[in-house]
Amino acid sequence: MRLALGADRGSVLRLVVGTGARLALLEIAAGTAIALALTRLMTDLLYGVRPADPLTFSVVTIVLTATSILACYIPARRATRVDPIVALRYE
């Protein structure tokens, strides 16, 4: 809709990816906080890793962040390549 009203493709892409990344970062932060709180319950299940291993938490956070941004970027890029007139006619 924004493309049909004259927005450029870059701003629409930034809007969609930014919104998705913001939501993903909030969820990752909440998940990390919950995981840190639950590490005391999982101490017996972990072998060779400390319950609150900073390397493990940082690697998982980086991988999840990269994956979520990529998951937002690919559909957003595809959506910005659609001709607005064709999309409006389809709806």
PDB file of N, CA and C in Angstrom:
ATOM      1  N   MET A   1       0.829  -1.182   0.000  1.00  0.00           N
ATOM      2  CA  MET A   1       0.000   0.000   0.000  1.00  0.00           C
ATOM      3  C   MET A   1       0.881   1.257   0.000  1.00  0.00           C
ATOM      4  N   ARG A   2       1.921   1.232   0.798  1.00  0.00           N
ATOM      5  CA  ARG A   2       2.809   2.392   0.863  1.00  0.00           C
ATOM      6  C   ARG A   2       3.495   2.650  -0.482  1.00  0.00           C
ATOM      7  N   LEU A   3       3.844   1.577  -1.166  1.00  0.00           N
ATOM      8  CA  LEU A   3       4.470   1.740  -2.481  1.00  0.00           C
ATOM      9  C   LEU A   3       3.492   2.385  -3.454  1.00  0.00           C
ATOM     10  N   ALA A   4       2.228   2.017  -3.376  1.00  0.00           N
ATOM     11  CA  ALA A   4       1.221   2.588  -4.271  1.00  0.00           C
ATOM     12  C   ALA A   4       0.995   4.060  -3.976  1.00  0.00           C
ATOM     13  N   LEU A   5       1.229   4.472  -2.738  1.00  0.00           N
ATOM     14  CA  LEU A   5       1.047   5.876  -2.368  1.00  0.00           C
ATOM     15  C   LEU A   5       2.296   6.719  -2.580  1.00  0.00           C
ATOM     16  N   GLY A   6       3.370   6.095  -3.081  1.00  0.00           N
ATOM     17  CA  GLY A   6       4.545   6.869  -3.451  1.00  0.00           C
ATOM     18  C   GLY A   6       5.774   6.682  -2.590  1.00  0.00           C
ATOM     19  N   ALA A   7       5.743   5.796  -1.631  1.00  0.00           N
ATOM     20  CA  ALA A   7       6.935   5.555  -0.806  1.00  0.00           C
ATOM     21  C   ALA A   7       7.982   4.821  -1.639  1.00  0.00           C
ATOM     22  N   ASP A   8       9.243   5.111  -1.368  1.00  0.00           N
ATOM     23  CA  ASP A   8      10.279   4.411  -2.123  1.00  0.00           C
ATOM     24  C   ASP A   8      10.517   3.032  -1.497  1.00  0.00           C
ATOM     25  N   ARG A   9      11.071   2.152  -2.289  1.00  0.00           N
ATOM     26  CA  ARG A   9      11.239   0.758  -1.880  1.00  0.00           C
ATOM     27  C   ARG A   9      12.167   0.620  -0.682  1.00  0.00           C
ATOM     28  N   GLY A  10      13.173   1.442  -0.592  1.00  0.00           N
ATOM     29  CA  GLY A  10      14.116   1.371   0.525  1.00  0.00           C
ATOM     30  C   GLY A  10      13.472   1.685   1.862  1.00  0.00           C
ATOM     31  N   SER A  11      12.600   2.681   1.883  1.00  0.00           N
ATOM     32  CA  SER A  11      11.952   3.031   3.146  1.00  0.00           C
ATOM     33  C   SER A  11      10.964   1.957   3.590  1.00  0.00           C
ATOM     34  N   VAL A  12      10.286   1.345   2.637  1.00  0.00           N
ATOM     35  CA  VAL A  12       9.361   0.268   2.972  1.00  0.00           C
ATOM     36  C   VAL A  12      10.145  -0.943   3.488  1.00  0.00           C
ATOM     37  N   LEU A  13      11.269  -1.234   2.845  1.00  0.00           N
ATOM     38  CA  LEU A  13      12.114  -2.341   3.284  1.00  0.00           C
ATOM     39  C   LEU A  13      12.635  -2.096   4.695  1.00  0.00           C
ATOM     40  N   ARG A  14      13.116  -0.880   4.959  1.00  0.00           N
ATOM     41  CA  ARG A  14      13.606  -0.533   6.306  1.00  0.00           C
ATOM     42  C   ARG A  14      12.494  -0.619   7.340  1.00  0.00           C
ATOM     43  N   LEU A  15      11.297  -0.199   6.977  1.00  0.00           N
ATOM     44  CA  LEU A  15      10.169  -0.252   7.901  1.00  0.00           C
ATOM     45  C   LEU A  15       9.835  -1.687   8.285  1.00  0.00           C
ATOM     46  N   VAL A  16       9.728  -2.555   7.294  1.00  0.00           N
ATOM     47  CA  VAL A  16       9.352  -3.942   7.564  1.00  0.00           C
ATOM     48  C   VAL A  16      10.450  -4.676   8.327  1.00  0.00           C
ATOM     49  N   VAL A  17      11.684  -4.532   7.884  1.00  0.00           N
ATOM     50  CA  VAL A  17      12.795  -5.215   8.560  1.00  0.00           C
ATOM     51  C   VAL A  17      13.012  -4.633   9.952  1.00  0.00           C
ATOM     52  N   GLY A  18      12.889  -3.327  10.102  1.00  0.00           N
ATOM     53  CA  GLY A  18      13.060  -2.703  11.415  1.00  0.00           C
ATOM     54  C   GLY A  18      12.016  -3.148  12.411  1.00  0.00           C
ATOM     55  N   THR A  19      10.773  -3.234  11.965  1.00  0.00           N
ATOM     56  CA  THR A  19       9.702  -3.693  12.856  1.00  0.00           C
ATOM     57  C   THR A  19       9.911  -5.144  13.262  1.00  0.00           C
ATOM     58  N   GLY A  20      10.238  -5.971  12.294  1.00  0.00           N
ATOM     59  CA  GLY A  20      10.483  -7.385  12.597  1.00  0.00           C
ATOM     60  C   GLY A  20      11.698  -7.585  13.485  1.00  0.00           C
ATOM     61  N   ALA A  21      12.763  -6.825  13.230  1.00  0.00           N
ATOM     62  CA  ALA A  21      13.971  -6.945  14.048  1.00  0.00           C
ATOM     63  C   ALA A  21      13.721  -6.467  15.472  1.00  0.00           C
ATOM     64  N   ARG A  22      12.948  -5.416  15.613  1.00  0.00           N
ATOM     65  CA  ARG A  22      12.639  -4.910  16.957  1.00  0.00           C
ATOM     66  C   ARG A  22      11.872  -5.954  17.770  1.00  0.00           C
ATOM     67  N   LEU A  23      10.881  -6.568  17.141  1.00  0.00           N
ATOM     68  CA  LEU A  23      10.115  -7.624  17.817  1.00  0.00           C
ATOM     69  C   LEU A  23      11.005  -8.820  18.154  1.00  0.00           C
ATOM     70  N   ALA A  24      11.856  -9.191  17.216  1.00  0.00           N
ATOM     71  CA  ALA A  24      12.733 -10.340  17.449  1.00  0.00           C
ATOM     72  C   ALA A  24      13.709 -10.060  18.592  1.00  0.00           C
ATOM     73  N   LEU A  25      14.257  -8.859  18.640  1.00  0.00           N
ATOM     74  CA  LEU A  25      15.199  -8.530  19.713  1.00  0.00           C
ATOM     75  C   LEU A  25      14.513  -8.525  21.073  1.00  0.00           C
ATOM     76  N   LEU A  26      13.281  -8.047  21.128  1.00  0.00           N
ATOM     77  CA  LEU A  26      12.536  -8.097  22.394  1.00  0.00           C
ATOM     78  C   LEU A  26      12.295  -9.548  22.829  1.00  0.00           C
ATOM     79  N   GLU A  27      11.940 -10.398  21.887  1.00  0.00           N
ATOM     80  CA  GLU A  27      11.694 -11.794  22.208  1.00  0.00           C
ATOM     81  C   GLU A  27      12.973 -12.518  22.595  1.00  0.00           C
ATOM     82  N   ILE A  28      14.064 -12.202  21.928  1.00  0.00           N
ATOM     83  CA  ILE A  28      15.348 -12.812  22.265  1.00  0.00           C
ATOM     84  C   ILE A  28      15.797 -12.374  23.653  1.00  0.00           C
ATOM     85  N   ALA A  29      15.601 -11.099  23.974  1.00  0.00           N
ATOM     86  CA  ALA A  29      15.970 -10.614  25.306  1.00  0.00           C
ATOM     87  C   ALA A  29      15.114 -11.283  26.385  1.00  0.00           C
ATOM     88  N   ALA A  30      13.830 -11.434  26.131  1.00  0.00           N
ATOM     89  CA  ALA A  30      12.958 -12.103  27.101  1.00  0.00           C
ATOM     90  C   ALA A  30      13.344 -13.575  27.242  1.00  0.00           C
ATOM     91  N   GLY A  31      13.628 -14.224  26.137  1.00  0.00           N
ATOM     92  CA  GLY A  31      14.036 -15.624  26.180  1.00  0.00           C
ATOM     93  C   GLY A  31      15.352 -15.826  26.906  1.00  0.00           C
ATOM     94  N   THR A  32      16.282 -14.910  26.697  1.00  0.00           N
ATOM     95  CA  THR A  32      17.564 -14.999  27.394  1.00  0.00           C
ATOM     96  C   THR A  32      17.386 -14.808  28.894  1.00  0.00           C
ATOM     97  N   ALA A  33      16.553 -13.864  29.273  1.00  0.00           N
ATOM     98  CA  ALA A  33      16.303 -13.638  30.697  1.00  0.00           C
ATOM     99  C   ALA A  33      15.641 -14.860  31.332  1.00  0.00           C
ATOM    100  N   ILE A  34      14.689 -15.457  30.643  1.00  0.00           N
ATOM    101  CA  ILE A  34      14.027 -16.658  31.167  1.00  0.00           C
ATOM    102  C   ILE A  34      15.014 -17.823  31.226  1.00  0.00           C
ATOM    103  N   ALA A  35      15.849 -17.959  30.204  1.00  0.00           N
ATOM    104  CA  ALA A  35      16.839 -19.038  30.196  1.00  0.00           C
ATOM    105  C   ALA A  35      17.836 -18.880  31.334  1.00  0.00           C
ATOM    106  N   LEU A  36      18.268 -17.655  31.591  1.00  0.00           N
ATOM    107  CA  LEU A  36      19.173 -17.430  32.710  1.00  0.00           C
ATOM    108  C   LEU A  36      18.508 -17.762  34.040  1.00  0.00           C
ATOM    109  N   ALA A  37      17.224 -17.465  34.143  1.00  0.00           N
ATOM    110  CA  ALA A  37      16.503 -17.776  35.378  1.00  0.00           C
ATOM    111  C   ALA A  37      16.313 -19.279  35.560  1.00  0.00           C
ATOM    112  N   LEU A  38      16.190 -20.008  34.468  1.00  0.00           N
ATOM    113  CA  LEU A  38      15.948 -21.445  34.551  1.00  0.00           C
ATOM    114  C   LEU A  38      17.224 -22.283  34.600  1.00  0.00           C
ATOM    115  N   THR A  39      18.388 -21.660  34.520  1.00  0.00           N
ATOM    116  CA  THR A  39      19.634 -22.432  34.508  1.00  0.00           C
ATOM    117  C   THR A  39      19.848 -23.190  35.808  1.00  0.00           C
ATOM    118  N   ARG A  40      19.338 -22.673  36.887  1.00  0.00           N
ATOM    119  CA  ARG A  40      19.493 -23.380  38.174  1.00  0.00           C
ATOM    120  C   ARG A  40      18.743 -24.710  38.175  1.00  0.00           C
ATOM    121  N   LEU A  41      17.639 -24.767  37.451  1.00  0.00           N
ATOM    122  CA  LEU A  41      16.886 -26.014  37.379  1.00  0.00           C
ATOM    123  C   LEU A  41      17.539 -27.042  36.454  1.00  0.00           C
ATOM    124  N   MET A  42      18.341 -26.566  35.505  1.00  0.00           N
ATOM    125  CA  MET A  42      18.933 -27.448  34.512  1.00  0.00           C
ATOM    126  C   MET A  42      20.371 -27.831  34.833  1.00  0.00           C
ATOM    127  N   THR A  43      20.886 -27.527  35.998  1.00  0.00           N
ATOM    128  CA  THR A  43      22.288 -27.770  36.311  1.00  0.00           C
ATOM    129  C   THR A  43      22.652 -29.244  36.184  1.00  0.00           C
ATOM    130  N   ASP A  44      21.759 -30.126  36.535  1.00  0.00           N
ATOM    131  CA  ASP A  44      22.058 -31.553  36.464  1.00  0.00           C
ATOM    132  C   ASP A  44      22.042 -32.089  35.036  1.00  0.00           C
ATOM    133  N   LEU A  45      21.410 -31.377  34.121  1.00  0.00           N
ATOM    134  CA  LEU A  45      21.301 -31.840  32.741  1.00  0.00           C
ATOM    135  C   LEU A  45      22.449 -31.374  31.851  1.00  0.00           C
ATOM    136  N   LEU A  46      23.233 -30.427  32.312  1.00  0.00           N
ATOM    137  CA  LEU A  46      24.303 -29.860  31.498  1.00  0.00           C
ATOM    138  C   LEU A  46      25.621 -30.577  31.771  1.00  0.00           C
ATOM    139  N   TYR A  47      26.286 -30.999  30.715  1.00  0.00           N
ATOM    140  CA  TYR A  47      27.570 -31.681  30.850  1.00  0.00           C
ATOM    141  C   TYR A  47      28.641 -30.897  30.109  1.00  0.00           C
ATOM    142  N   GLY A  48      29.680 -30.511  30.812  1.00  0.00           N
ATOM    143  CA  GLY A  48      30.797 -29.801  30.194  1.00  0.00           C
ATOM    144  C   GLY A  48      30.538 -28.320  29.969  1.00  0.00           C
ATOM    145  N   VAL A  49      29.433 -27.817  30.449  1.00  0.00           N
ATOM    146  CA  VAL A  49      29.093 -26.411  30.289  1.00  0.00           C
ATOM    147  C   VAL A  49      28.596 -25.884  31.624  1.00  0.00           C
ATOM    148  N   ARG A  50      29.047 -24.706  31.978  1.00  0.00           N
ATOM    149  CA  ARG A  50      28.525 -24.091  33.195  1.00  0.00           C
ATOM    150  C   ARG A  50      27.083 -23.666  32.944  1.00  0.00           C
ATOM    151  N   PRO A  51      26.257 -23.588  33.974  1.00  0.00           N
ATOM    152  CA  PRO A  51      24.845 -23.243  33.768  1.00  0.00           C
ATOM    153  C   PRO A  51      24.624 -21.890  33.094  1.00  0.00           C
ATOM    154  N   ALA A  52      25.420 -20.905  33.410  1.00  0.00           N
ATOM    155  CA  ALA A  52      25.259 -19.579  32.795  1.00  0.00           C
ATOM    156  C   ALA A  52      26.496 -19.247  31.970  1.00  0.00           C
ATOM    157  N   ASP A  53      26.840 -20.123  31.039  1.00  0.00           N
ATOM    158  CA  ASP A  53      28.027 -19.940  30.206  1.00  0.00           C
ATOM    159  C   ASP A  53      27.837 -18.747  29.279  1.00  0.00           C
ATOM    160  N   PRO A  54      28.653 -17.703  29.427  1.00  0.00           N
ATOM    161  CA  PRO A  54      28.452 -16.509  28.598  1.00  0.00           C
ATOM    162  C   PRO A  54      28.703 -16.752  27.110  1.00  0.00           C
ATOM    163  N   LEU A  55      29.635 -17.632  26.775  1.00  0.00           N
ATOM    164  CA  LEU A  55      29.906 -17.914  25.365  1.00  0.00           C
ATOM    165  C   LEU A  55      28.696 -18.565  24.697  1.00  0.00           C
ATOM    166  N   THR A  56      28.089 -19.513  25.374  1.00  0.00           N
ATOM    167  CA  THR A  56      26.911 -20.186  24.819  1.00  0.00           C
ATOM    168  C   THR A  56      25.758 -19.211  24.628  1.00  0.00           C
ATOM    169  N   PHE A  57      25.498 -18.391  25.635  1.00  0.00           N
ATOM    170  CA  PHE A  57      24.402 -17.431  25.542  1.00  0.00           C
ATOM    171  C   PHE A  57      24.656 -16.401  24.438  1.00  0.00           C
ATOM    172  N   SER A  58      25.893 -15.950  24.303  1.00  0.00           N
ATOM    173  CA  SER A  58      26.163 -14.935  23.277  1.00  0.00           C
ATOM    174  C   SER A  58      26.085 -15.530  21.870  1.00  0.00           C
ATOM    175  N   VAL A  59      26.583 -16.743  21.677  1.00  0.00           N
ATOM    176  CA  VAL A  59      26.515 -17.365  20.350  1.00  0.00           C
ATOM    177  C   VAL A  59      25.063 -17.629  19.951  1.00  0.00           C
ATOM    178  N   VAL A  60      24.280 -18.138  20.877  1.00  0.00           N
ATOM    179  CA  VAL A  60      22.866 -18.402  20.584  1.00  0.00           C
ATOM    180  C   VAL A  60      22.135 -17.100  20.276  1.00  0.00           C
ATOM    181  N   THR A  61      22.433 -16.044  21.024  1.00  0.00           N
ATOM    182  CA  THR A  61      21.803 -14.748  20.775  1.00  0.00           C
ATOM    183  C   THR A  61      22.162 -14.206  19.395  1.00  0.00           C
ATOM    184  N   ILE A  62      23.423 -14.323  19.015  1.00  0.00           N
ATOM    185  CA  ILE A  62      23.864 -13.835  17.702  1.00  0.00           C
ATOM    186  C   ILE A  62      23.206 -14.637  16.581  1.00  0.00           C
ATOM    187  N   VAL A  63      23.158 -15.944  16.729  1.00  0.00           N
ATOM    188  CA  VAL A  63      22.550 -16.787  15.686  1.00  0.00           C
ATOM    189  C   VAL A  63      21.056 -16.495  15.558  1.00  0.00           C
ATOM    190  N   LEU A  64      20.360 -16.372  16.677  1.00  0.00           N
ATOM    191  CA  LEU A  64      18.932 -16.077  16.624  1.00  0.00           C
ATOM    192  C   LEU A  64      18.658 -14.697  16.031  1.00  0.00           C
ATOM    193  N   THR A  65      19.483 -13.720  16.371  1.00  0.00           N
ATOM    194  CA  THR A  65      19.308 -12.373  15.815  1.00  0.00           C
ATOM    195  C   THR A  65      19.518 -12.372  14.306  1.00  0.00           C
ATOM    196  N   ALA A  66      20.588 -13.007  13.853  1.00  0.00           N
ATOM    197  CA  ALA A  66      20.867 -13.058  12.413  1.00  0.00           C
ATOM    198  C   ALA A  66      19.759 -13.797  11.666  1.00  0.00           C
ATOM    199  N   THR A  67      19.285 -14.891  12.231  1.00  0.00           N
ATOM    200  CA  THR A  67      18.229 -15.664  11.590  1.00  0.00           C
ATOM    201  C   THR A  67      16.926 -14.877  11.506  1.00  0.00           C
ATOM    202  N   SER A  68      16.584 -14.169  12.571  1.00  0.00           N
ATOM    203  CA  SER A  68      15.324 -13.423  12.561  1.00  0.00           C
ATOM    204  C   SER A  68      15.384 -12.230  11.610  1.00  0.00           C
ATOM    205  N   ILE A  69      16.525 -11.568  11.522  1.00  0.00           N
ATOM    206  CA  ILE A  69      16.649 -10.453  10.584  1.00  0.00           C
ATOM    207  C   ILE A  69      16.578 -10.965   9.146  1.00  0.00           C
ATOM    208  N   LEU A  70      17.212 -12.085   8.888  1.00  0.00           N
ATOM    209  CA  LEU A  70      17.144 -12.673   7.543  1.00  0.00           C
ATOM    210  C   LEU A  70      15.720 -13.123   7.221  1.00  0.00           C
ATOM    211  N   ALA A  71      15.023 -13.652   8.217  1.00  0.00           N
ATOM    212  CA  ALA A  71      13.635 -14.079   8.009  1.00  0.00           C
ATOM    213  C   ALA A  71      12.712 -12.894   7.750  1.00  0.00           C
ATOM    214  N   CYS A  72      13.077 -11.714   8.214  1.00  0.00           N
ATOM    215  CA  CYS A  72      12.288 -10.509   7.917  1.00  0.00           C
ATOM    216  C   CYS A  72      12.693  -9.918   6.570  1.00  0.00           C
ATOM    217  N   TYR A  73      13.973  -9.984   6.247  1.00  0.00           N
ATOM    218  CA  TYR A  73      14.492  -9.321   5.054  1.00  0.00           C
ATOM    219  C   TYR A  73      14.031  -9.987   3.754  1.00  0.00           C
ATOM    220  N   ILE A  74      14.068 -11.301   3.712  1.00  0.00           N
ATOM    221  CA  ILE A  74      13.759 -12.001   2.454  1.00  0.00           C
ATOM    222  C   ILE A  74      12.325 -11.738   1.988  1.00  0.00           C
ATOM    223  N   PRO A  75      11.289 -11.904   2.818  1.00  0.00           N
ATOM    224  CA  PRO A  75       9.933 -11.592   2.338  1.00  0.00           C
ATOM    225  C   PRO A  75       9.723 -10.102   2.074  1.00  0.00           C
ATOM    226  N   ALA A  76      10.383  -9.243   2.854  1.00  0.00           N
ATOM    227  CA  ALA A  76      10.234  -7.804   2.639  1.00  0.00           C
ATOM    228  C   ALA A  76      10.834  -7.397   1.295  1.00  0.00           C
ATOM    229  N   ARG A  77      11.978  -7.965   0.962  1.00  0.00           N
ATOM    230  CA  ARG A  77      12.599  -7.655  -0.335  1.00  0.00           C
ATOM    231  C   ARG A  77      11.716  -8.135  -1.470  1.00  0.00           C
ATOM    232  N   ARG A  78      11.140  -9.310  -1.313  1.00  0.00           N
ATOM    233  CA  ARG A  78      10.255  -9.855  -2.347  1.00  0.00           C
ATOM    234  C   ARG A  78       9.005  -8.981  -2.497  1.00  0.00           C
ATOM    235  N   ALA A  79       8.476  -8.503  -1.376  1.00  0.00           N
ATOM    236  CA  ALA A  79       7.268  -7.676  -1.426  1.00  0.00           C
ATOM    237  C   ALA A  79       7.530  -6.320  -2.067  1.00  0.00           C
ATOM    238  N   THR A  80       8.722  -5.768  -1.899  1.00  0.00           N
ATOM    239  CA  THR A  80       9.014  -4.466  -2.504  1.00  0.00           C
ATOM    240  C   THR A  80       9.231  -4.564  -4.005  1.00  0.00           C
ATOM    241  N   ARG A  81       9.462  -5.755  -4.511  1.00  0.00           N
ATOM    242  CA  ARG A  81       9.671  -5.913  -5.954  1.00  0.00           C
ATOM    243  C   ARG A  81       8.367  -6.076  -6.734  1.00  0.00           C
ATOM    244  N   VAL A  82       7.266  -6.258  -6.019  1.00  0.00           N
ATOM    245  CA  VAL A  82       5.964  -6.411  -6.682  1.00  0.00           C
ATOM    246  C   VAL A  82       5.484  -5.040  -7.147  1.00  0.00           C
ATOM    247  N   ASP A  83       4.948  -4.994  -8.348  1.00  0.00           N
ATOM    248  CA  ASP A  83       4.401  -3.748  -8.873  1.00  0.00           C
ATOM    249  C   ASP A  83       3.155  -3.373  -8.070  1.00  0.00           C
ATOM    250  N   PRO A  84       3.086  -2.153  -7.522  1.00  0.00           N
ATOM    251  CA  PRO A  84       1.948  -1.763  -6.682  1.00  0.00           C
ATOM    252  C   PRO A  84       0.601  -1.851  -7.393  1.00  0.00           C
ATOM    253  N   ILE A  85       0.566  -1.531  -8.662  1.00  0.00           N
ATOM    254  CA  ILE A  85      -0.691  -1.574  -9.404  1.00  0.00           C
ATOM    255  C   ILE A  85      -1.198  -3.018  -9.516  1.00  0.00           C
ATOM    256  N   VAL A  86      -0.279  -3.942  -9.773  1.00  0.00           N
ATOM    257  CA  VAL A  86      -0.658  -5.356  -9.877  1.00  0.00           C
ATOM    258  C   VAL A  86      -1.154  -5.852  -8.518  1.00  0.00           C
ATOM    259  N   ALA A  87      -0.476  -5.466  -7.453  1.00  0.00           N
ATOM    260  CA  ALA A  87      -0.878  -5.900  -6.116  1.00  0.00           C
ATOM    261  C   ALA A  87      -2.247  -5.342  -5.731  1.00  0.00           C
ATOM    262  N   LEU A  88      -2.507  -4.085  -6.064  1.00  0.00           N
ATOM    263  CA  LEU A  88      -3.800  -3.483  -5.745  1.00  0.00           C
ATOM    264  C   LEU A  88      -4.920  -4.082  -6.592  1.00  0.00           C
ATOM    265  N   ARG A  89      -4.606  -4.398  -7.835  1.00  0.00           N
ATOM    266  CA  ARG A  89      -5.608  -5.004  -8.701  1.00  0.00           C
ATOM    267  C   ARG A  89      -5.956  -6.408  -8.209  1.00  0.00           C
ATOM    268  N   TYR A  90      -4.964  -7.115  -7.695  1.00  0.00           N
ATOM    269  CA  TYR A  90      -5.183  -8.475  -7.179  1.00  0.00           C
ATOM    270  C   TYR A  90      -6.092  -8.449  -5.949  1.00  0.00           C
ATOM    271  N   GLU A  91      -5.908  -7.465  -5.090  1.00  0.00           N
ATOM    272  CA  GLU A  91      -6.714  -7.360  -3.874  1.00  0.00           C
ATOM    273  C   GLU A  91      -8.101  -6.907  -4.257  1.00  0.00           C
TER     274      GLU A  91
END
